[in-house]
Amino acid sequence: MKLLDNVTQFFNQNIAPPHKIISAKKQDDGWRALVEIIEEKDYMKKYANDQMIGLYEVFLDNNHEVTGFSRISLRYRSDLEEKTEAEH
């Protein structure tokens, strides 16, 4: 699917390789996707800490081109509950 390929390519080039694309939904003006990214993998390994998972909200136009994104939460991989950016 072009949308998933474009999201994956965008994150590979600009942020970090996606861990999972967990949703993609059509909206009136394009698409909204949610993507999990493993944050600072090497740093966390160096200090033997659990990996951090960032949840990103991504917006795409009707041509499946990324038009914007933001990290909406961050959690340790072992956490069951997500924390919003405001809680960190």
C-alpha atoms as a PDB file:
ATOM      1  CA  MET A   1       0.000   0.000   0.000  1.00  0.00           C
ATOM      2  CA  LYS A   2       1.498   3.346  -1.075  1.00  0.00           C
ATOM      3  CA  LEU A   3       0.424   5.086   2.145  1.00  0.00           C
ATOM      4  CA  LEU A   4       2.315   2.638   4.380  1.00  0.00           C
ATOM      5  CA  ASP A   5       5.358   2.728   2.093  1.00  0.00           C
ATOM      6  CA  ASN A   6       5.430   6.546   2.197  1.00  0.00           C
ATOM      7  CA  VAL A   7       5.136   6.619   5.994  1.00  0.00           C
ATOM      8  CA  THR A   8       7.931   4.050   6.336  1.00  0.00           C
ATOM      9  CA  GLN A   9      10.169   5.936   3.897  1.00  0.00           C
ATOM     10  CA  PHE A  10       9.518   9.274   5.645  1.00  0.00           C
ATOM     11  CA  PHE A  11      10.477   7.890   9.065  1.00  0.00           C
ATOM     12  CA  ASN A  12      13.516   6.031   7.706  1.00  0.00           C
ATOM     13  CA  GLN A  13      14.813   9.277   6.176  1.00  0.00           C
ATOM     14  CA  ASN A  14      13.885  11.753   8.917  1.00  0.00           C
ATOM     15  CA  ILE A  15      13.365  10.168  12.338  1.00  0.00           C
ATOM     16  CA  ALA A  16      14.128   6.462  12.793  1.00  0.00           C
ATOM     17  CA  PRO A  17      12.935   3.201  11.251  1.00  0.00           C
ATOM     18  CA  PRO A  18       9.329   2.473  12.254  1.00  0.00           C
ATOM     19  CA  HIS A  19       8.818  -0.317  14.767  1.00  0.00           C
ATOM     20  CA  LYS A  20       5.114  -0.660  13.858  1.00  0.00           C
ATOM     21  CA  ILE A  21       2.501   1.270  11.928  1.00  0.00           C
ATOM     22  CA  ILE A  22      -0.436   0.626  14.222  1.00  0.00           C
ATOM     23  CA  SER A  23      -3.227   2.412  12.363  1.00  0.00           C
ATOM     24  CA  ALA A  24      -4.100   4.312   9.203  1.00  0.00           C
ATOM     25  CA  LYS A  25      -7.489   5.995   8.862  1.00  0.00           C
ATOM     26  CA  LYS A  26      -9.050   8.043   6.087  1.00  0.00           C
ATOM     27  CA  GLN A  27     -10.134  11.552   7.069  1.00  0.00           C
ATOM     28  CA  ASP A  28     -11.960  14.286   5.151  1.00  0.00           C
ATOM     29  CA  ASP A  29      -8.737  16.005   4.087  1.00  0.00           C
ATOM     30  CA  GLY A  30      -6.388  13.014   3.780  1.00  0.00           C
ATOM     31  CA  TRP A  31      -5.129  10.298   6.094  1.00  0.00           C
ATOM     32  CA  ARG A  32      -3.989   9.951   9.723  1.00  0.00           C
ATOM     33  CA  ALA A  33      -1.586   7.205  10.773  1.00  0.00           C
ATOM     34  CA  LEU A  34      -0.119   6.185  14.132  1.00  0.00           C
ATOM     35  CA  VAL A  35       3.454   4.905  14.144  1.00  0.00           C
ATOM     36  CA  GLU A  36       5.593   3.415  16.924  1.00  0.00           C
ATOM     37  CA  ILE A  37       9.311   4.230  16.848  1.00  0.00           C
ATOM     38  CA  ILE A  38      12.066   2.813  19.064  1.00  0.00           C
ATOM     39  CA  GLU A  39      13.737   5.941  20.461  1.00  0.00           C
ATOM     40  CA  GLU A  40      17.492   6.247  21.073  1.00  0.00           C
ATOM     41  CA  LYS A  41      18.156   2.508  20.781  1.00  0.00           C
ATOM     42  CA  ASP A  42      21.968   2.728  21.110  1.00  0.00           C
ATOM     43  CA  TYR A  43      21.839   5.052  24.130  1.00  0.00           C
ATOM     44  CA  MET A  44      19.384   2.796  25.951  1.00  0.00           C
ATOM     45  CA  LYS A  45      21.479  -0.325  25.213  1.00  0.00           C
ATOM     46  CA  LYS A  46      24.646   1.393  26.454  1.00  0.00           C
ATOM     47  CA  TYR A  47      23.111   2.005  29.866  1.00  0.00           C
ATOM     48  CA  ALA A  48      21.179  -1.299  29.976  1.00  0.00           C
ATOM     49  CA  ASN A  49      17.852   0.498  30.112  1.00  0.00           C
ATOM     50  CA  ASP A  50      14.586  -0.645  28.635  1.00  0.00           C
ATOM     51  CA  GLN A  51      13.873   0.671  25.153  1.00  0.00           C
ATOM     52  CA  MET A  52      11.636   3.714  24.788  1.00  0.00           C
ATOM     53  CA  ILE A  53       8.745   3.584  22.324  1.00  0.00           C
ATOM     54  CA  GLY A  54       7.541   6.858  20.837  1.00  0.00           C
ATOM     55  CA  LEU A  55       4.042   7.045  19.391  1.00  0.00           C
ATOM     56  CA  TYR A  56       3.817   9.435  16.449  1.00  0.00           C
ATOM     57  CA  GLU A  57       0.738  10.850  14.778  1.00  0.00           C
ATOM     58  CA  VAL A  58       1.290  11.348  11.041  1.00  0.00           C
ATOM     59  CA  PHE A  59      -0.880  13.262   8.584  1.00  0.00           C
ATOM     60  CA  LEU A  60      -0.917  12.568   4.856  1.00  0.00           C
ATOM     61  CA  ASP A  61      -2.721  14.262   1.993  1.00  0.00           C
ATOM     62  CA  ASN A  62      -4.989  12.439  -0.462  1.00  0.00           C
ATOM     63  CA  ASN A  63      -1.907  11.605  -2.580  1.00  0.00           C
ATOM     64  CA  HIS A  64      -0.435   9.782   0.454  1.00  0.00           C
ATOM     65  CA  GLU A  65       2.359  12.332   0.938  1.00  0.00           C
ATOM     66  CA  VAL A  66       3.332  13.154   4.541  1.00  0.00           C
ATOM     67  CA  THR A  67       2.215  16.693   5.432  1.00  0.00           C
ATOM     68  CA  GLY A  68       2.961  16.700   9.167  1.00  0.00           C
ATOM     69  CA  PHE A  69       3.741  14.620  12.235  1.00  0.00           C
ATOM     70  CA  SER A  70       4.196  14.889  15.988  1.00  0.00           C
ATOM     71  CA  ARG A  71       5.180  12.583  18.823  1.00  0.00           C
ATOM     72  CA  ILE A  72       2.122  12.198  21.019  1.00  0.00           C
ATOM     73  CA  SER A  73       3.442   9.827  23.687  1.00  0.00           C
ATOM     74  CA  LEU A  74       6.539   8.086  24.995  1.00  0.00           C
ATOM     75  CA  ARG A  75       6.799   4.945  27.118  1.00  0.00           C
ATOM     76  CA  TYR A  76       9.196   2.230  28.162  1.00  0.00           C
ATOM     77  CA  ARG A  77       8.708  -0.868  26.053  1.00  0.00           C
ATOM     78  CA  SER A  78       7.826  -2.863  29.179  1.00  0.00           C
ATOM     79  CA  ASP A  79       5.169  -0.350  30.340  1.00  0.00           C
ATOM     80  CA  LEU A  80       1.588  -1.392  29.856  1.00  0.00           C
ATOM     81  CA  GLU A  81       0.216   2.168  29.873  1.00  0.00           C
ATOM     82  CA  GLU A  82       1.312   5.031  27.666  1.00  0.00           C
ATOM     83  CA  LYS A  83       2.266   8.407  29.077  1.00  0.00           C
ATOM     84  CA  THR A  84       1.480  11.549  27.140  1.00  0.00           C
ATOM     85  CA  GLU A  85       4.212  14.083  26.388  1.00  0.00           C
ATOM     86  CA  ALA A  86       2.864  16.316  29.203  1.00  0.00           C
ATOM     87  CA  GLU A  87       3.408  13.567  31.798  1.00  0.00           C
ATOM     88  CA  HIS A  88       7.176  13.292  31.148  1.00  0.00           C
END
